[in-house]
Structure formats: structure tokens, C-alpha cells
All heavy atoms as atom14 arrays in JSON, in Angstrom:
{
  "sequence": "AHTGKLGDGKIFVLPVEEVIRVRTGEHGKDAI",
  "atom14_mask": [
    [1, 1, 1, 1, 1, 0, 0, 0, 0, 0, 0, 0, 0, 0],
    [1, 1, 1, 1, 1, 1, 1, 1, 1, 1, 0, 0, 0, 0],
    [1, 1, 1, 1, 1, 1, 1, 0, 0, 0, 0, 0, 0, 0],
    [1, 1, 1, 1, 0, 0, 0, 0, 0, 0, 0, 0, 0, 0],
    [1, 1, 1, 1, 1, 1, 1, 1, 1, 0, 0, 0, 0, 0],
    [1, 1, 1, 1, 1, 1, 1, 1, 0, 0, 0, 0, 0, 0],
    [1, 1, 1, 1, 0, 0, 0, 0, 0, 0, 0, 0, 0, 0],
    [1, 1, 1, 1, 1, 1, 1, 1, 0, 0, 0, 0, 0, 0],
    [1, 1, 1, 1, 0, 0, 0, 0, 0, 0, 0, 0, 0, 0],
    [1, 1, 1, 1, 1, 1, 1, 1, 1, 0, 0, 0, 0, 0],
    [1, 1, 1, 1, 1, 1, 1, 1, 0, 0, 0, 0, 0, 0],
    [1, 1, 1, 1, 1, 1, 1, 1, 1, 1, 1, 0, 0, 0],
    [1, 1, 1, 1, 1, 1, 1, 0, 0, 0, 0, 0, 0, 0],
    [1, 1, 1, 1, 1, 1, 1, 1, 0, 0, 0, 0, 0, 0],
    [1, 1, 1, 1, 1, 1, 1, 0, 0, 0, 0, 0, 0, 0],
    [1, 1, 1, 1, 1, 1, 1, 0, 0, 0, 0, 0, 0, 0],
    [1, 1, 1, 1, 1, 1, 1, 1, 1, 0, 0, 0, 0, 0],
    [1, 1, 1, 1, 1, 1, 1, 1, 1, 0, 0, 0, 0, 0],
    [1, 1, 1, 1, 1, 1, 1, 0, 0, 0, 0, 0, 0, 0],
    [1, 1, 1, 1, 1, 1, 1, 1, 0, 0, 0, 0, 0, 0],
    [1, 1, 1, 1, 1, 1, 1, 1, 1, 1, 1, 0, 0, 0],
    [1, 1, 1, 1, 1, 1, 1, 0, 0, 0, 0, 0, 0, 0],
    [1, 1, 1, 1, 1, 1, 1, 1, 1, 1, 1, 0, 0, 0],
    [1, 1, 1, 1, 1, 1, 1, 0, 0, 0, 0, 0, 0, 0],
    [1, 1, 1, 1, 0, 0, 0, 0, 0, 0, 0, 0, 0, 0],
    [1, 1, 1, 1, 1, 1, 1, 1, 1, 0, 0, 0, 0, 0],
    [1, 1, 1, 1, 1, 1, 1, 1, 1, 1, 0, 0, 0, 0],
    [1, 1, 1, 1, 0, 0, 0, 0, 0, 0, 0, 0, 0, 0],
    [1, 1, 1, 1, 1, 1, 1, 1, 1, 0, 0, 0, 0, 0],
    [1, 1, 1, 1, 1, 1, 1, 1, 0, 0, 0, 0, 0, 0],
    [1, 1, 1, 1, 1, 0, 0, 0, 0, 0, 0, 0, 0, 0],
    [1, 1, 1, 1, 1, 1, 1, 1, 0, 0, 0, 0, 0, 0]
  ],
  "atom14_positions": [
    [[12.35, -24.98, 1.25], [10.96, -24.64, 1.61], [9.95, -25.61, 0.99], [8.78, -25.6, 1.36], [10.64, -23.21, 1.16], [0.0, 0.0, 0.0], [0.0, 0.0, 0.0], [0.0, 0.0, 0.0], [0.0, 0.0, 0.0], [0.0, 0.0, 0.0], [0.0, 0.0, 0.0], [0.0, 0.0, 0.0], [0.0, 0.0, 0.0], [0.0, 0.0, 0.0]],
    [[10.42, -26.45, 0.1], [9.53, -27.34, -0.65], [8.94, -28.45, 0.22], [9.66, -29.12, 0.95], [10.32, -27.97, -1.81], [9.52, -28.89, -2.65], [9.51, -30.26, -2.46], [8.68, -28.65, -3.68], [8.71, -30.81, -3.34], [8.2, -29.86, -4.1], [0.0, 0.0, 0.0], [0.0, 0.0, 0.0], [0.0, 0.0, 0.0], [0.0, 0.0, 0.0]],
    [[7.61, -28.63, 0.15], [6.95, -29.78, 0.77], [6.21, -30.6, -0.26], [5.84, -31.73, 0.0], [5.93, -29.34, 1.86], [4.84, -28.66, 1.22], [6.56, -28.46, 2.92], [0.0, 0.0, 0.0], [0.0, 0.0, 0.0], [0.0, 0.0, 0.0], [0.0, 0.0, 0.0], [0.0, 0.0, 0.0], [0.0, 0.0, 0.0], [0.0, 0.0, 0.0]],
    [[5.96, -29.98, -1.43], [5.21, -30.66, -2.47], [3.71, -30.5, -2.34], [2.95, -31.05, -3.12], [0.0, 0.0, 0.0], [0.0, 0.0, 0.0], [0.0, 0.0, 0.0], [0.0, 0.0, 0.0], [0.0, 0.0, 0.0], [0.0, 0.0, 0.0], [0.0, 0.0, 0.0], [0.0, 0.0, 0.0], [0.0, 0.0, 0.0], [0.0, 0.0, 0.0]],
    [[3.28, -29.74, -1.34], [1.86, -29.53, -1.11], [1.45, -28.12, -1.51], [2.29, -27.21, -1.57], [1.52, -29.79, 0.35], [1.77, -31.23, 0.75], [1.36, -31.5, 2.15], [1.59, -32.96, 2.45], [2.05, -33.21, 3.77], [0.0, 0.0, 0.0], [0.0, 0.0, 0.0], [0.0, 0.0, 0.0], [0.0, 0.0, 0.0], [0.0, 0.0, 0.0]],
    [[0.18, -27.94, -1.74], [-0.37, -26.63, -2.07], [0.0, -25.62, -0.99], [-0.05, -25.93, 0.2], [-1.9, -26.75, -2.16], [-2.66, -25.66, -2.88], [-2.21, -25.58, -4.33], [-4.14, -25.93, -2.81], [0.0, 0.0, 0.0], [0.0, 0.0, 0.0], [0.0, 0.0, 0.0], [0.0, 0.0, 0.0], [0.0, 0.0, 0.0], [0.0, 0.0, 0.0]],
    [[0.42, -24.43, -1.39], [0.75, -23.39, -0.42], [2.2, -23.33, -0.01], [2.54, -22.69, 0.98], [0.0, 0.0, 0.0], [0.0, 0.0, 0.0], [0.0, 0.0, 0.0], [0.0, 0.0, 0.0], [0.0, 0.0, 0.0], [0.0, 0.0, 0.0], [0.0, 0.0, 0.0], [0.0, 0.0, 0.0], [0.0, 0.0, 0.0], [0.0, 0.0, 0.0]],
    [[3.09, -23.99, -0.76], [4.52, -23.94, -0.44], [5.08, -22.52, -0.51], [6.04, -22.2, 0.16], [5.32, -24.84, -1.37], [5.45, -26.26, -0.84], [5.0, -26.53, 0.28], [6.02, -27.09, -1.56], [0.0, 0.0, 0.0], [0.0, 0.0, 0.0], [0.0, 0.0, 0.0], [0.0, 0.0, 0.0], [0.0, 0.0, 0.0], [0.0, 0.0, 0.0]],
    [[4.49, -21.66, -1.33], [4.91, -20.26, -1.35], [5.38, -19.77, -2.7], [5.22, -20.43, -3.73], [0.0, 0.0, 0.0], [0.0, 0.0, 0.0], [0.0, 0.0, 0.0], [0.0, 0.0, 0.0], [0.0, 0.0, 0.0], [0.0, 0.0, 0.0], [0.0, 0.0, 0.0], [0.0, 0.0, 0.0], [0.0, 0.0, 0.0], [0.0, 0.0, 0.0]],
    [[5.97, -18.59, -2.66], [6.49, -17.93, -3.87], [7.82, -17.28, -3.55], [8.1, -16.93, -2.4], [5.53, -16.82, -4.33], [4.15, -17.25, -4.73], [4.1, -17.56, -6.19], [2.7, -17.74, -6.74], [1.91, -18.78, -6.2], [0.0, 0.0, 0.0], [0.0, 0.0, 0.0], [0.0, 0.0, 0.0], [0.0, 0.0, 0.0], [0.0, 0.0, 0.0]],
    [[8.63, -17.08, -4.6], [9.9, -16.36, -4.48], [9.9, -15.26, -5.51], [9.61, -15.52, -6.69], [11.11, -17.29, -4.69], [11.09, -18.44, -3.68], [12.42, -16.5, -4.59], [12.12, -19.53, -3.95], [0.0, 0.0, 0.0], [0.0, 0.0, 0.0], [0.0, 0.0, 0.0], [0.0, 0.0, 0.0], [0.0, 0.0, 0.0], [0.0, 0.0, 0.0]],
    [[10.21, -14.04, -5.08], [10.28, -12.89, -5.97], [11.7, -12.35, -5.96], [12.33, -12.28, -4.9], [9.33, -11.78, -5.5], [7.91, -12.24, -5.3], [7.46, -12.6, -4.05], [7.04, -12.32, -6.37], [6.16, -13.03, -3.85], [5.73, -12.75, -6.19], [5.29, -13.11, -4.92], [0.0, 0.0, 0.0], [0.0, 0.0, 0.0], [0.0, 0.0, 0.0]],
    [[12.21, -11.94, -7.12], [13.53, -11.34, -7.23], [13.34, -9.93, -7.79], [12.76, -9.77, -8.87], [14.47, -12.17, -8.13], [15.83, -11.5, -8.23], [14.6, -13.59, -7.59], [0.0, 0.0, 0.0], [0.0, 0.0, 0.0], [0.0, 0.0, 0.0], [0.0, 0.0, 0.0], [0.0, 0.0, 0.0], [0.0, 0.0, 0.0], [0.0, 0.0, 0.0]],
    [[13.84, -8.93, -7.05], [13.65, -7.54, -7.42], [14.99, -6.81, -7.49], [15.91, -7.13, -6.73], [12.78, -6.83, -6.37], [11.45, -7.53, -6.06], [11.03, -7.26, -4.64], [10.41, -7.05, -7.03], [0.0, 0.0, 0.0], [0.0, 0.0, 0.0], [0.0, 0.0, 0.0], [0.0, 0.0, 0.0], [0.0, 0.0, 0.0], [0.0, 0.0, 0.0]],
    [[15.11, -5.82, -8.35], [16.36, -5.03, -8.39], [16.45, -4.09, -7.19], [15.44, -3.61, -6.69], [16.24, -4.24, -9.7], [14.78, -4.15, -9.96], [14.16, -5.4, -9.37], [0.0, 0.0, 0.0], [0.0, 0.0, 0.0], [0.0, 0.0, 0.0], [0.0, 0.0, 0.0], [0.0, 0.0, 0.0], [0.0, 0.0, 0.0], [0.0, 0.0, 0.0]],
    [[17.67, -3.84, -6.74], [17.92, -2.89, -5.64], [18.91, -1.85, -6.17], [20.0, -2.19, -6.63], [18.51, -3.6, -4.4], [18.91, -2.6, -3.33], [17.5, -4.59, -3.84], [0.0, 0.0, 0.0], [0.0, 0.0, 0.0], [0.0, 0.0, 0.0], [0.0, 0.0, 0.0], [0.0, 0.0, 0.0], [0.0, 0.0, 0.0], [0.0, 0.0, 0.0]],
    [[18.51, -0.6, -6.12], [19.37, 0.47, -6.64], [20.5, 0.82, -5.69], [21.62, 1.06, -6.12], [18.53, 1.71, -6.91], [17.61, 1.53, -8.1], [16.88, 2.81, -8.45], [17.43, 3.91, -8.2], [15.77, 2.71, -8.97], [0.0, 0.0, 0.0], [0.0, 0.0, 0.0], [0.0, 0.0, 0.0], [0.0, 0.0, 0.0], [0.0, 0.0, 0.0]],
    [[20.22, 0.88, -4.4], [21.24, 1.33, -3.45], [20.97, 0.75, -2.07], [19.82, 0.54, -1.69], [21.23, 2.85, -3.37], [22.3, 3.46, -2.47], [23.71, 3.23, -2.98], [24.21, 4.07, -3.73], [24.29, 2.21, -2.6], [0.0, 0.0, 0.0], [0.0, 0.0, 0.0], [0.0, 0.0, 0.0], [0.0, 0.0, 0.0], [0.0, 0.0, 0.0]],
    [[22.03, 0.49, -1.34], [21.96, 0.06, 0.06], [22.91, 0.95, 0.84], [24.04, 1.18, 0.42], [22.37, -1.41, 0.24], [22.36, -1.8, 1.7], [21.47, -2.33, -0.57], [0.0, 0.0, 0.0], [0.0, 0.0, 0.0], [0.0, 0.0, 0.0], [0.0, 0.0, 0.0], [0.0, 0.0, 0.0], [0.0, 0.0, 0.0], [0.0, 0.0, 0.0]],
    [[22.44, 1.46, 1.98], [23.27, 2.32, 2.83], [23.17, 1.81, 4.26], [22.08, 1.64, 4.79], [22.79, 3.79, 2.77], [22.84, 4.27, 1.33], [23.63, 4.67, 3.69], [21.86, 5.35, 0.99], [0.0, 0.0, 0.0], [0.0, 0.0, 0.0], [0.0, 0.0, 0.0], [0.0, 0.0, 0.0], [0.0, 0.0, 0.0], [0.0, 0.0, 0.0]],
    [[24.32, 1.54, 4.86], [24.35, 1.11, 6.26], [24.24, 2.37, 7.12], [25.06, 3.29, 7.01], [25.64, 0.36, 6.58], [25.65, -0.23, 7.99], [26.97, -0.92, 8.31], [27.34, -1.92, 7.33], [26.99, -3.21, 7.38], [26.23, -3.64, 8.35], [27.4, -4.04, 6.44], [0.0, 0.0, 0.0], [0.0, 0.0, 0.0], [0.0, 0.0, 0.0]],
    [[23.23, 2.43, 7.96], [22.96, 3.62, 8.76], [24.11, 3.93, 9.71], [24.55, 5.08, 9.82], [21.63, 3.45, 9.55], [21.41, 4.6, 10.5], [20.46, 3.31, 8.59], [0.0, 0.0, 0.0], [0.0, 0.0, 0.0], [0.0, 0.0, 0.0], [0.0, 0.0, 0.0], [0.0, 0.0, 0.0], [0.0, 0.0, 0.0], [0.0, 0.0, 0.0]],
    [[24.64, 2.92, 10.39], [25.68, 3.13, 11.4], [26.96, 3.74, 10.83], [27.52, 4.66, 11.41], [26.0, 1.81, 12.1], [27.06, 1.92, 13.21], [27.28, 0.59, 13.92], [27.58, -0.53, 13.02], [28.81, -0.81, 12.57], [29.84, -0.1, 12.94], [28.99, -1.86, 11.79], [0.0, 0.0, 0.0], [0.0, 0.0, 0.0], [0.0, 0.0, 0.0]],
    [[27.41, 3.22, 9.67], [28.73, 3.64, 9.16], [28.66, 4.51, 7.92], [29.66, 5.11, 7.53], [29.57, 2.4, 8.8], [28.9, 1.67, 7.76], [29.8, 1.5, 10.01], [0.0, 0.0, 0.0], [0.0, 0.0, 0.0], [0.0, 0.0, 0.0], [0.0, 0.0, 0.0], [0.0, 0.0, 0.0], [0.0, 0.0, 0.0], [0.0, 0.0, 0.0]],
    [[27.5, 4.54, 7.27], [27.38, 5.3, 6.04], [27.91, 4.56, 4.81], [27.98, 5.14, 3.73], [0.0, 0.0, 0.0], [0.0, 0.0, 0.0], [0.0, 0.0, 0.0], [0.0, 0.0, 0.0], [0.0, 0.0, 0.0], [0.0, 0.0, 0.0], [0.0, 0.0, 0.0], [0.0, 0.0, 0.0], [0.0, 0.0, 0.0], [0.0, 0.0, 0.0]],
    [[28.3, 3.29, 4.96], [28.79, 2.52, 3.82], [27.68, 2.38, 2.77], [26.51, 2.33, 3.11], [29.2, 1.11, 4.27], [30.43, 1.1, 5.17], [30.67, -0.27, 5.76], [29.8, -0.74, 6.51], [31.72, -0.85, 5.47], [0.0, 0.0, 0.0], [0.0, 0.0, 0.0], [0.0, 0.0, 0.0], [0.0, 0.0, 0.0], [0.0, 0.0, 0.0]],
    [[28.1, 2.33, 1.51], [27.17, 2.23, 0.39], [27.39, 0.95, -0.39], [28.47, 0.38, -0.38], [27.37, 3.41, -0.59], [26.86, 4.7, -0.07], [25.68, 5.24, -0.49], [27.37, 5.57, 0.83], [25.5, 6.4, 0.13], [26.52, 6.61, 0.94], [0.0, 0.0, 0.0], [0.0, 0.0, 0.0], [0.0, 0.0, 0.0], [0.0, 0.0, 0.0]],
    [[26.34, 0.54, -1.13], [26.44, -0.57, -2.06], [26.75, -1.89, -1.42], [26.28, -2.22, -0.33], [0.0, 0.0, 0.0], [0.0, 0.0, 0.0], [0.0, 0.0, 0.0], [0.0, 0.0, 0.0], [0.0, 0.0, 0.0], [0.0, 0.0, 0.0], [0.0, 0.0, 0.0], [0.0, 0.0, 0.0], [0.0, 0.0, 0.0], [0.0, 0.0, 0.0]],
    [[27.58, -2.67, -2.12], [27.92, -4.02, -1.69], [28.52, -4.05, -0.27], [28.29, -4.98, 0.49], [28.91, -4.6, -2.69], [28.98, -6.07, -2.76], [29.85, -6.48, -3.94], [30.24, -7.91, -3.84], [31.12, -8.31, -4.94], [0.0, 0.0, 0.0], [0.0, 0.0, 0.0], [0.0, 0.0, 0.0], [0.0, 0.0, 0.0], [0.0, 0.0, 0.0]],
    [[29.29, -3.01, 0.1], [29.91, -2.95, 1.43], [28.86, -2.84, 2.54], [29.12, -3.22, 3.67], [30.86, -1.76, 1.53], [32.07, -1.91, 0.61], [32.43, -3.07, 0.31], [32.61, -0.89, 0.2], [0.0, 0.0, 0.0], [0.0, 0.0, 0.0], [0.0, 0.0, 0.0], [0.0, 0.0, 0.0], [0.0, 0.0, 0.0], [0.0, 0.0, 0.0]],
    [[27.68, -2.3, 2.2], [26.64, -2.12, 3.21], [25.83, -3.39, 3.46], [25.1, -3.47, 4.44], [25.71, -1.0, 2.78], [0.0, 0.0, 0.0], [0.0, 0.0, 0.0], [0.0, 0.0, 0.0], [0.0, 0.0, 0.0], [0.0, 0.0, 0.0], [0.0, 0.0, 0.0], [0.0, 0.0, 0.0], [0.0, 0.0, 0.0], [0.0, 0.0, 0.0]],
    [[25.96, -4.36, 2.57], [25.23, -5.62, 2.77], [25.94, -6.36, 3.86], [25.62, -6.96, 4.69], [25.17, -6.47, 1.49], [24.45, -5.7, 0.4], [24.44, -7.76, 1.75], [24.41, -6.41, -0.93], [0.0, 0.0, 0.0], [0.0, 0.0, 0.0], [0.0, 0.0, 0.0], [0.0, 0.0, 0.0], [0.0, 0.0, 0.0], [0.0, 0.0, 0.0]]
  ]
}
């Protein structure tokens, strides 16, 4: 994403407690 110019952006890293796949009901890493 880098151009070296003003406005290249930001990156945020946030914790995720749980992920659930709606179709199958899989949880956690399997749902990603």
C-alpha cells in the first residue's frame, strides 16, 4: 500500500474473541 506520499493510510490490529461460520456452525480457527 506504500506510495511514500501523505495519506498512504493506517493499519490497526485488534483481538478477536470468537469467529463462527453461519453456514456450518464451525467455531474459532476452523471458521476463518
